[in-house]
Amino acid sequence: AALRELENEPTLLMTGGTWDPNSESFQGQVAEQVLRSYDFDQLFVG
């Protein structure tokens, strides 16, 4: 949602998957399979 508010909006990709209310994010095998289909320059993680 925050990315979509940028004036210079980037190309947005979502992992999809199973919603996890504890982490408030998508998790699971579907999300993992989607990620394995791409390669990225950087990961920013907390």
All heavy atoms as atom14 arrays in JSON, in Angstrom:
{
  "sequence": "AALRELENEPTLLMTGGTWDPNSESFQGQVAEQVLRSYDFDQLFVG",
  "atom14_mask": [
    [1, 1, 1, 1, 1, 0, 0, 0, 0, 0, 0, 0, 0, 0],
    [1, 1, 1, 1, 1, 0, 0, 0, 0, 0, 0, 0, 0, 0],
    [1, 1, 1, 1, 1, 1, 1, 1, 0, 0, 0, 0, 0, 0],
    [1, 1, 1, 1, 1, 1, 1, 1, 1, 1, 1, 0, 0, 0],
    [1, 1, 1, 1, 1, 1, 1, 1, 1, 0, 0, 0, 0, 0],
    [1, 1, 1, 1, 1, 1, 1, 1, 0, 0, 0, 0, 0, 0],
    [1, 1, 1, 1, 1, 1, 1, 1, 1, 0, 0, 0, 0, 0],
    [1, 1, 1, 1, 1, 1, 1, 1, 0, 0, 0, 0, 0, 0],
    [1, 1, 1, 1, 1, 1, 1, 1, 1, 0, 0, 0, 0, 0],
    [1, 1, 1, 1, 1, 1, 1, 0, 0, 0, 0, 0, 0, 0],
    [1, 1, 1, 1, 1, 1, 1, 0, 0, 0, 0, 0, 0, 0],
    [1, 1, 1, 1, 1, 1, 1, 1, 0, 0, 0, 0, 0, 0],
    [1, 1, 1, 1, 1, 1, 1, 1, 0, 0, 0, 0, 0, 0],
    [1, 1, 1, 1, 1, 1, 1, 1, 0, 0, 0, 0, 0, 0],
    [1, 1, 1, 1, 1, 1, 1, 0, 0, 0, 0, 0, 0, 0],
    [1, 1, 1, 1, 0, 0, 0, 0, 0, 0, 0, 0, 0, 0],
    [1, 1, 1, 1, 0, 0, 0, 0, 0, 0, 0, 0, 0, 0],
    [1, 1, 1, 1, 1, 1, 1, 0, 0, 0, 0, 0, 0, 0],
    [1, 1, 1, 1, 1, 1, 1, 1, 1, 1, 1, 1, 1, 1],
    [1, 1, 1, 1, 1, 1, 1, 1, 0, 0, 0, 0, 0, 0],
    [1, 1, 1, 1, 1, 1, 1, 0, 0, 0, 0, 0, 0, 0],
    [1, 1, 1, 1, 1, 1, 1, 1, 0, 0, 0, 0, 0, 0],
    [1, 1, 1, 1, 1, 1, 0, 0, 0, 0, 0, 0, 0, 0],
    [1, 1, 1, 1, 1, 1, 1, 1, 1, 0, 0, 0, 0, 0],
    [1, 1, 1, 1, 1, 1, 0, 0, 0, 0, 0, 0, 0, 0],
    [1, 1, 1, 1, 1, 1, 1, 1, 1, 1, 1, 0, 0, 0],
    [1, 1, 1, 1, 1, 1, 1, 1, 1, 0, 0, 0, 0, 0],
    [1, 1, 1, 1, 0, 0, 0, 0, 0, 0, 0, 0, 0, 0],
    [1, 1, 1, 1, 1, 1, 1, 1, 1, 0, 0, 0, 0, 0],
    [1, 1, 1, 1, 1, 1, 1, 0, 0, 0, 0, 0, 0, 0],
    [1, 1, 1, 1, 1, 0, 0, 0, 0, 0, 0, 0, 0, 0],
    [1, 1, 1, 1, 1, 1, 1, 1, 1, 0, 0, 0, 0, 0],
    [1, 1, 1, 1, 1, 1, 1, 1, 1, 0, 0, 0, 0, 0],
    [1, 1, 1, 1, 1, 1, 1, 0, 0, 0, 0, 0, 0, 0],
    [1, 1, 1, 1, 1, 1, 1, 1, 0, 0, 0, 0, 0, 0],
    [1, 1, 1, 1, 1, 1, 1, 1, 1, 1, 1, 0, 0, 0],
    [1, 1, 1, 1, 1, 1, 0, 0, 0, 0, 0, 0, 0, 0],
    [1, 1, 1, 1, 1, 1, 1, 1, 1, 1, 1, 1, 0, 0],
    [1, 1, 1, 1, 1, 1, 1, 1, 0, 0, 0, 0, 0, 0],
    [1, 1, 1, 1, 1, 1, 1, 1, 1, 1, 1, 0, 0, 0],
    [1, 1, 1, 1, 1, 1, 1, 1, 0, 0, 0, 0, 0, 0],
    [1, 1, 1, 1, 1, 1, 1, 1, 1, 0, 0, 0, 0, 0],
    [1, 1, 1, 1, 1, 1, 1, 1, 0, 0, 0, 0, 0, 0],
    [1, 1, 1, 1, 1, 1, 1, 1, 1, 1, 1, 0, 0, 0],
    [1, 1, 1, 1, 1, 1, 1, 0, 0, 0, 0, 0, 0, 0],
    [1, 1, 1, 1, 0, 0, 0, 0, 0, 0, 0, 0, 0, 0]
  ],
  "atom14_positions": [
    [[0.83, -1.21, 0.0], [0.0, 0.0, 0.0], [0.87, 1.26, 0.0], [0.57, 2.24, -0.69], [-0.93, 0.0, 1.21], [0.0, 0.0, 0.0], [0.0, 0.0, 0.0], [0.0, 0.0, 0.0], [0.0, 0.0, 0.0], [0.0, 0.0, 0.0], [0.0, 0.0, 0.0], [0.0, 0.0, 0.0], [0.0, 0.0, 0.0], [0.0, 0.0, 0.0]],
    [[1.94, 1.23, 0.79], [2.83, 2.39, 0.84], [3.54, 2.61, -0.49], [3.72, 3.76, -0.94], [3.85, 2.21, 1.96], [0.0, 0.0, 0.0], [0.0, 0.0, 0.0], [0.0, 0.0, 0.0], [0.0, 0.0, 0.0], [0.0, 0.0, 0.0], [0.0, 0.0, 0.0], [0.0, 0.0, 0.0], [0.0, 0.0, 0.0], [0.0, 0.0, 0.0]],
    [[3.94, 1.54, -1.15], [4.6, 1.66, -2.45], [3.67, 2.27, -3.49], [4.09, 3.06, -4.33], [5.06, 0.27, -2.93], [6.28, -0.31, -2.2], [6.43, -1.79, -2.55], [7.55, 0.44, -2.58], [0.0, 0.0, 0.0], [0.0, 0.0, 0.0], [0.0, 0.0, 0.0], [0.0, 0.0, 0.0], [0.0, 0.0, 0.0], [0.0, 0.0, 0.0]],
    [[2.39, 1.93, -3.42], [1.44, 2.43, -4.41], [1.18, 3.93, -4.26], [0.65, 4.56, -5.17], [0.12, 1.66, -4.3], [0.22, 0.21, -4.72], [-1.14, -0.45, -4.78], [-1.99, 0.21, -5.75], [-3.26, 0.54, -5.52], [-3.82, 0.27, -4.35], [-3.99, 1.13, -6.45], [0.0, 0.0, 0.0], [0.0, 0.0, 0.0], [0.0, 0.0, 0.0]],
    [[1.55, 4.49, -3.12], [1.34, 5.92, -2.9], [2.5, 6.77, -3.41], [2.43, 7.99, -3.4], [1.11, 6.2, -1.41], [-0.17, 5.59, -0.86], [-1.38, 5.98, -1.69], [-1.48, 7.16, -2.07], [-2.22, 5.11, -1.96], [0.0, 0.0, 0.0], [0.0, 0.0, 0.0], [0.0, 0.0, 0.0], [0.0, 0.0, 0.0], [0.0, 0.0, 0.0]],
    [[3.59, 6.12, -3.84], [4.72, 6.89, -4.35], [4.35, 7.53, -5.69], [3.71, 6.91, -6.53], [5.94, 5.98, -4.54], [6.57, 5.39, -3.27], [7.7, 4.45, -3.66], [7.08, 6.49, -2.34], [0.0, 0.0, 0.0], [0.0, 0.0, 0.0], [0.0, 0.0, 0.0], [0.0, 0.0, 0.0], [0.0, 0.0, 0.0], [0.0, 0.0, 0.0]],
    [[4.76, 8.78, -5.88], [4.51, 9.45, -7.15], [5.2, 8.68, -8.28], [4.66, 8.52, -9.37], [5.05, 10.88, -7.09], [4.29, 11.78, -6.12], [2.86, 12.08, -6.58], [2.56, 11.83, -7.76], [2.07, 12.55, -5.76], [0.0, 0.0, 0.0], [0.0, 0.0, 0.0], [0.0, 0.0, 0.0], [0.0, 0.0, 0.0], [0.0, 0.0, 0.0]],
    [[6.42, 8.23, -8.03], [7.18, 7.46, -9.01], [7.03, 5.98, -8.65], [7.95, 5.34, -8.17], [8.65, 7.89, -8.98], [9.41, 7.36, -10.17], [8.83, 6.93, -11.15], [10.72, 7.38, -10.07], [0.0, 0.0, 0.0], [0.0, 0.0, 0.0], [0.0, 0.0, 0.0], [0.0, 0.0, 0.0], [0.0, 0.0, 0.0], [0.0, 0.0, 0.0]],
    [[5.84, 5.45, -8.89], [5.48, 4.12, -8.39], [6.33, 3.02, -9.05], [6.39, 2.94, -10.28], [4.0, 3.86, -8.65], [3.48, 2.57, -8.02], [1.98, 2.42, -8.21], [1.29, 3.45, -8.35], [1.51, 1.27, -8.23], [0.0, 0.0, 0.0], [0.0, 0.0, 0.0], [0.0, 0.0, 0.0], [0.0, 0.0, 0.0], [0.0, 0.0, 0.0]],
    [[6.98, 2.17, -8.25], [7.77, 1.07, -8.83], [6.88, -0.05, -9.33], [5.67, -0.09, -9.04], [8.62, 0.6, -7.63], [7.78, 0.93, -6.44], [7.04, 2.19, -6.77], [0.0, 0.0, 0.0], [0.0, 0.0, 0.0], [0.0, 0.0, 0.0], [0.0, 0.0, 0.0], [0.0, 0.0, 0.0], [0.0, 0.0, 0.0], [0.0, 0.0, 0.0]],
    [[7.46, -0.96, -10.08], [6.75, -2.18, -10.44], [6.61, -3.03, -9.19], [7.6, -3.36, -8.54], [7.51, -2.95, -11.52], [7.61, -2.13, -12.7], [6.81, -4.25, -11.87], [0.0, 0.0, 0.0], [0.0, 0.0, 0.0], [0.0, 0.0, 0.0], [0.0, 0.0, 0.0], [0.0, 0.0, 0.0], [0.0, 0.0, 0.0], [0.0, 0.0, 0.0]],
    [[5.4, -3.37, -8.83], [5.12, -4.07, -7.58], [4.81, -5.53, -7.85], [3.96, -5.86, -8.67], [3.94, -3.41, -6.87], [3.41, -4.1, -5.61], [4.49, -4.16, -4.53], [2.17, -3.38, -5.09], [0.0, 0.0, 0.0], [0.0, 0.0, 0.0], [0.0, 0.0, 0.0], [0.0, 0.0, 0.0], [0.0, 0.0, 0.0], [0.0, 0.0, 0.0]],
    [[5.51, -6.41, -7.12], [5.26, -7.85, -7.17], [4.86, -8.31, -5.77], [5.46, -7.9, -4.78], [6.51, -8.61, -7.62], [7.14, -8.21, -8.95], [8.45, -8.96, -9.14], [6.2, -8.48, -10.1], [0.0, 0.0, 0.0], [0.0, 0.0, 0.0], [0.0, 0.0, 0.0], [0.0, 0.0, 0.0], [0.0, 0.0, 0.0], [0.0, 0.0, 0.0]],
    [[3.85, -9.18, -5.69], [3.43, -9.73, -4.41], [3.7, -11.24, -4.39], [3.52, -11.92, -5.4], [1.93, -9.49, -4.18], [1.55, -8.04, -3.99], [2.15, -7.36, -2.42], [1.26, -8.36, -1.22], [0.0, 0.0, 0.0], [0.0, 0.0, 0.0], [0.0, 0.0, 0.0], [0.0, 0.0, 0.0], [0.0, 0.0, 0.0], [0.0, 0.0, 0.0]],
    [[4.11, -11.73, -3.23], [4.39, -13.16, -3.12], [3.13, -14.0, -3.16], [3.14, -15.14, -3.63], [5.13, -13.48, -1.81], [4.29, -13.16, -0.7], [6.44, -12.72, -1.72], [0.0, 0.0, 0.0], [0.0, 0.0, 0.0], [0.0, 0.0, 0.0], [0.0, 0.0, 0.0], [0.0, 0.0, 0.0], [0.0, 0.0, 0.0], [0.0, 0.0, 0.0]],
    [[2.01, -13.44, -2.65], [0.85, -14.29, -2.43], [1.17, -15.3, -1.33], [2.16, -15.16, -0.62], [0.0, 0.0, 0.0], [0.0, 0.0, 0.0], [0.0, 0.0, 0.0], [0.0, 0.0, 0.0], [0.0, 0.0, 0.0], [0.0, 0.0, 0.0], [0.0, 0.0, 0.0], [0.0, 0.0, 0.0], [0.0, 0.0, 0.0], [0.0, 0.0, 0.0]],
    [[0.32, -16.3, -1.2], [0.55, -17.3, -0.17], [-0.53, -17.29, 0.89], [-1.64, -16.8, 0.66], [0.0, 0.0, 0.0], [0.0, 0.0, 0.0], [0.0, 0.0, 0.0], [0.0, 0.0, 0.0], [0.0, 0.0, 0.0], [0.0, 0.0, 0.0], [0.0, 0.0, 0.0], [0.0, 0.0, 0.0], [0.0, 0.0, 0.0], [0.0, 0.0, 0.0]],
    [[-0.21, -17.82, 2.05], [-1.14, -17.92, 3.17], [-0.93, -16.76, 4.12], [0.2, -16.51, 4.56], [-0.94, -19.25, 3.92], [-1.11, -20.33, 3.0], [-1.95, -19.38, 5.06], [0.0, 0.0, 0.0], [0.0, 0.0, 0.0], [0.0, 0.0, 0.0], [0.0, 0.0, 0.0], [0.0, 0.0, 0.0], [0.0, 0.0, 0.0], [0.0, 0.0, 0.0]],
    [[-2.01, -16.05, 4.47], [-1.9, -14.9, 5.35], [-1.63, -15.35, 6.78], [-2.33, -16.19, 7.32], [-3.17, -14.07, 5.31], [-3.12, -12.86, 6.19], [-3.77, -12.68, 7.38], [-2.39, -11.67, 5.96], [-3.47, -11.44, 7.9], [-2.63, -10.79, 7.05], [-1.53, -11.24, 4.93], [-2.05, -9.53, 7.13], [-0.96, -9.98, 5.02], [-1.22, -9.14, 6.11]],
    [[-0.57, -14.79, 7.37], [-0.22, -15.1, 8.75], [-0.52, -13.88, 9.61], [0.17, -12.86, 9.51], [1.27, -15.46, 8.85], [1.72, -15.61, 10.29], [0.95, -16.17, 11.1], [2.84, -15.16, 10.62], [0.0, 0.0, 0.0], [0.0, 0.0, 0.0], [0.0, 0.0, 0.0], [0.0, 0.0, 0.0], [0.0, 0.0, 0.0], [0.0, 0.0, 0.0]],
    [[-1.54, -13.93, 10.47], [-1.91, -12.75, 11.26], [-0.87, -12.36, 12.29], [-0.82, -11.21, 12.71], [-3.22, -13.19, 11.94], [-3.17, -14.68, 11.95], [-2.43, -15.08, 10.71], [0.0, 0.0, 0.0], [0.0, 0.0, 0.0], [0.0, 0.0, 0.0], [0.0, 0.0, 0.0], [0.0, 0.0, 0.0], [0.0, 0.0, 0.0], [0.0, 0.0, 0.0]],
    [[-0.01, -13.29, 12.71], [1.01, -12.96, 13.71], [2.08, -12.04, 13.13], [2.47, -11.05, 13.76], [1.66, -14.24, 14.25], [0.69, -15.08, 15.04], [-0.08, -14.57, 15.85], [0.7, -16.38, 14.82], [0.0, 0.0, 0.0], [0.0, 0.0, 0.0], [0.0, 0.0, 0.0], [0.0, 0.0, 0.0], [0.0, 0.0, 0.0], [0.0, 0.0, 0.0]],
    [[2.54, -12.34, 11.93], [3.56, -11.5, 11.29], [2.94, -10.47, 10.37], [3.64, -9.62, 9.83], [4.54, -12.37, 10.49], [3.86, -13.04, 9.44], [0.0, 0.0, 0.0], [0.0, 0.0, 0.0], [0.0, 0.0, 0.0], [0.0, 0.0, 0.0], [0.0, 0.0, 0.0], [0.0, 0.0, 0.0], [0.0, 0.0, 0.0], [0.0, 0.0, 0.0]],
    [[1.6, -10.55, 10.17], [0.88, -9.67, 9.25], [1.54, -9.67, 7.87], [1.85, -8.64, 7.29], [0.79, -8.24, 9.81], [-0.06, -8.15, 11.06], [-0.37, -6.71, 11.45], [0.36, -5.81, 11.0], [-1.34, -6.5, 12.19], [0.0, 0.0, 0.0], [0.0, 0.0, 0.0], [0.0, 0.0, 0.0], [0.0, 0.0, 0.0], [0.0, 0.0, 0.0]],
    [[1.76, -10.88, 7.36], [2.4, -11.03, 6.06], [1.99, -12.37, 5.47], [1.47, -13.24, 6.15], [3.92, -10.96, 6.2], [4.4, -12.03, 7.0], [0.0, 0.0, 0.0], [0.0, 0.0, 0.0], [0.0, 0.0, 0.0], [0.0, 0.0, 0.0], [0.0, 0.0, 0.0], [0.0, 0.0, 0.0], [0.0, 0.0, 0.0], [0.0, 0.0, 0.0]],
    [[2.25, -12.52, 4.17], [2.0, -13.79, 3.5], [3.19, -14.71, 3.71], [4.35, -14.3, 3.66], [1.77, -13.57, 2.0], [0.47, -12.88, 1.69], [0.44, -11.54, 1.35], [-0.73, -13.58, 1.76], [-0.75, -10.9, 1.08], [-1.94, -12.95, 1.48], [-1.95, -11.61, 1.14], [0.0, 0.0, 0.0], [0.0, 0.0, 0.0], [0.0, 0.0, 0.0]],
    [[2.89, -15.98, 3.95], [3.9, -16.99, 4.2], [3.53, -18.26, 3.45], [2.53, -18.3, 2.73], [4.01, -17.28, 5.71], [4.32, -16.08, 6.58], [5.75, -15.63, 6.5], [6.63, -16.41, 6.13], [6.01, -14.38, 6.85], [0.0, 0.0, 0.0], [0.0, 0.0, 0.0], [0.0, 0.0, 0.0], [0.0, 0.0, 0.0], [0.0, 0.0, 0.0]],
    [[4.33, -19.3, 3.6], [3.96, -20.61, 3.1], [4.58, -20.99, 1.77], [5.35, -20.24, 1.17], [0.0, 0.0, 0.0], [0.0, 0.0, 0.0], [0.0, 0.0, 0.0], [0.0, 0.0, 0.0], [0.0, 0.0, 0.0], [0.0, 0.0, 0.0], [0.0, 0.0, 0.0], [0.0, 0.0, 0.0], [0.0, 0.0, 0.0], [0.0, 0.0, 0.0]],
    [[4.23, -22.19, 1.31], [4.87, -22.79, 0.14], [4.58, -22.02, -1.14], [5.46, -21.9, -2.02], [4.41, -24.24, -0.01], [4.92, -25.15, 1.09], [4.55, -26.59, 0.86], [3.85, -26.92, -0.1], [5.0, -27.47, 1.74], [0.0, 0.0, 0.0], [0.0, 0.0, 0.0], [0.0, 0.0, 0.0], [0.0, 0.0, 0.0], [0.0, 0.0, 0.0]],
    [[3.38, -21.47, -1.29], [3.06, -20.71, -2.5], [3.97, -19.49, -2.6], [4.54, -19.2, -3.66], [1.58, -20.29, -2.51], [1.31, -19.3, -3.65], [0.67, -21.51, -2.65], [0.0, 0.0, 0.0], [0.0, 0.0, 0.0], [0.0, 0.0, 0.0], [0.0, 0.0, 0.0], [0.0, 0.0, 0.0], [0.0, 0.0, 0.0], [0.0, 0.0, 0.0]],
    [[4.11, -18.77, -1.49], [4.98, -17.59, -1.47], [6.43, -17.98, -1.79], [7.13, -17.28, -2.53], [4.9, -16.9, -0.11], [0.0, 0.0, 0.0], [0.0, 0.0, 0.0], [0.0, 0.0, 0.0], [0.0, 0.0, 0.0], [0.0, 0.0, 0.0], [0.0, 0.0, 0.0], [0.0, 0.0, 0.0], [0.0, 0.0, 0.0], [0.0, 0.0, 0.0]],
    [[6.87, -19.09, -1.24], [8.24, -19.55, -1.49], [8.45, -19.9, -2.96], [9.49, -19.57, -3.56], [8.55, -20.75, -0.59], [8.6, -20.39, 0.89], [8.75, -21.61, 1.79], [9.08, -22.69, 1.24], [8.54, -21.5, 3.0], [0.0, 0.0, 0.0], [0.0, 0.0, 0.0], [0.0, 0.0, 0.0], [0.0, 0.0, 0.0], [0.0, 0.0, 0.0]],
    [[7.45, -20.56, -3.57], [7.57, -20.93, -4.98], [7.63, -19.7, -5.87], [8.38, -19.66, -6.85], [6.39, -21.82, -5.37], [6.44, -23.21, -4.75], [5.17, -24.01, -4.98], [4.23, -23.52, -5.62], [5.12, -25.22, -4.46], [0.0, 0.0, 0.0], [0.0, 0.0, 0.0], [0.0, 0.0, 0.0], [0.0, 0.0, 0.0], [0.0, 0.0, 0.0]],
    [[6.84, -18.68, -5.55], [6.86, -17.44, -6.33], [8.24, -16.8, -6.25], [8.81, -16.39, -7.27], [5.78, -16.46, -5.81], [5.97, -15.08, -6.44], [4.39, -17.0, -6.13], [0.0, 0.0, 0.0], [0.0, 0.0, 0.0], [0.0, 0.0, 0.0], [0.0, 0.0, 0.0], [0.0, 0.0, 0.0], [0.0, 0.0, 0.0], [0.0, 0.0, 0.0]],
    [[8.8, -16.72, -5.06], [10.12, -16.1, -4.89], [11.2, -16.85, -5.66], [12.11, -16.23, -6.22], [10.48, -16.05, -3.41], [9.94, -14.84, -2.64], [9.98, -15.1, -1.15], [10.73, -13.59, -3.0], [0.0, 0.0, 0.0], [0.0, 0.0, 0.0], [0.0, 0.0, 0.0], [0.0, 0.0, 0.0], [0.0, 0.0, 0.0], [0.0, 0.0, 0.0]],
    [[11.11, -18.15, -5.7], [12.13, -18.94, -6.4], [12.08, -18.75, -7.91], [12.99, -19.17, -8.62], [11.97, -20.42, -6.05], [12.35, -20.76, -4.61], [12.44, -22.27, -4.39], [12.92, -22.58, -3.06], [12.14, -22.99, -2.05], [10.83, -23.12, -2.25], [12.66, -23.25, -0.87], [0.0, 0.0, 0.0], [0.0, 0.0, 0.0], [0.0, 0.0, 0.0]],
    [[11.03, -18.1, -8.4], [10.9, -17.85, -9.84], [11.63, -16.59, -10.27], [11.69, -16.29, -11.46], [9.42, -17.73, -10.22], [8.7, -18.9, -9.9], [0.0, 0.0, 0.0], [0.0, 0.0, 0.0], [0.0, 0.0, 0.0], [0.0, 0.0, 0.0], [0.0, 0.0, 0.0], [0.0, 0.0, 0.0], [0.0, 0.0, 0.0], [0.0, 0.0, 0.0]],
    [[12.17, -15.82, -9.3], [12.8, -14.55, -9.6], [14.21, -14.52, -9.02], [14.6, -15.36, -8.21], [12.02, -13.38, -8.98], [10.63, -13.18, -9.54], [9.54, -13.88, -9.02], [10.4, -12.27, -10.56], [8.26, -13.68, -9.51], [9.12, -12.06, -11.07], [8.06, -12.77, -10.54], [6.8, -12.58, -11.02], [0.0, 0.0, 0.0], [0.0, 0.0, 0.0]],
    [[14.97, -13.51, -9.45], [16.22, -13.2, -8.77], [16.25, -11.69, -8.52], [15.69, -10.91, -9.29], [17.45, -13.63, -9.59], [17.54, -12.88, -10.91], [16.85, -13.28, -11.85], [18.3, -11.9, -10.98], [0.0, 0.0, 0.0], [0.0, 0.0, 0.0], [0.0, 0.0, 0.0], [0.0, 0.0, 0.0], [0.0, 0.0, 0.0], [0.0, 0.0, 0.0]],
    [[16.88, -11.3, -7.42], [16.84, -9.91, -6.97], [18.24, -9.42, -6.62], [19.14, -10.2, -6.3], [15.93, -9.78, -5.75], [14.49, -10.1, -6.04], [14.01, -11.39, -5.9], [13.62, -9.12, -6.47], [12.69, -11.71, -6.2], [12.29, -9.41, -6.76], [11.83, -10.71, -6.62], [0.0, 0.0, 0.0], [0.0, 0.0, 0.0], [0.0, 0.0, 0.0]],
    [[18.38, -8.1, -6.67], [19.66, -7.49, -6.29], [19.82, -7.45, -4.78], [20.9, -7.72, -4.25], [19.76, -6.06, -6.86], [19.7, -6.05, -8.37], [20.58, -6.69, -8.98], [18.79, -5.42, -8.94], [0.0, 0.0, 0.0], [0.0, 0.0, 0.0], [0.0, 0.0, 0.0], [0.0, 0.0, 0.0], [0.0, 0.0, 0.0], [0.0, 0.0, 0.0]],
    [[18.72, -7.1, -4.07], [18.83, -6.89, -2.63], [17.57, -7.33, -1.9], [16.46, -7.24, -2.43], [19.05, -5.39, -2.34], [20.35, -4.81, -2.87], [20.27, -3.3, -2.99], [19.35, -2.75, -3.6], [21.23, -2.61, -2.4], [0.0, 0.0, 0.0], [0.0, 0.0, 0.0], [0.0, 0.0, 0.0], [0.0, 0.0, 0.0], [0.0, 0.0, 0.0]],
    [[17.77, -7.8, -0.69], [16.69, -8.07, 0.25], [16.86, -7.15, 1.45], [17.95, -7.07, 2.02], [16.72, -9.53, 0.72], [15.93, -9.85, 2.01], [14.44, -9.62, 1.81], [16.22, -11.28, 2.47], [0.0, 0.0, 0.0], [0.0, 0.0, 0.0], [0.0, 0.0, 0.0], [0.0, 0.0, 0.0], [0.0, 0.0, 0.0], [0.0, 0.0, 0.0]],
    [[15.78, -6.46, 1.83], [15.77, -5.64, 3.03], [14.83, -6.31, 4.03], [13.63, -6.43, 3.78], [15.32, -4.21, 2.72], [16.29, -3.48, 1.83], [16.18, -3.57, 0.45], [17.33, -2.74, 2.38], [17.08, -2.92, -0.37], [18.24, -2.09, 1.56], [18.12, -2.17, 0.18], [0.0, 0.0, 0.0], [0.0, 0.0, 0.0], [0.0, 0.0, 0.0]],
    [[15.4, -6.74, 5.15], [14.64, -7.53, 6.11], [14.93, -7.02, 7.52], [16.05, -6.59, 7.83], [15.0, -9.03, 5.98], [16.48, -9.27, 6.23], [14.16, -9.91, 6.89], [0.0, 0.0, 0.0], [0.0, 0.0, 0.0], [0.0, 0.0, 0.0], [0.0, 0.0, 0.0], [0.0, 0.0, 0.0], [0.0, 0.0, 0.0], [0.0, 0.0, 0.0]],
    [[13.92, -7.04, 8.37], [14.09, -6.63, 9.76], [14.43, -7.81, 10.65], [14.73, -8.91, 10.17], [0.0, 0.0, 0.0], [0.0, 0.0, 0.0], [0.0, 0.0, 0.0], [0.0, 0.0, 0.0], [0.0, 0.0, 0.0], [0.0, 0.0, 0.0], [0.0, 0.0, 0.0], [0.0, 0.0, 0.0], [0.0, 0.0, 0.0], [0.0, 0.0, 0.0]]
  ]
}
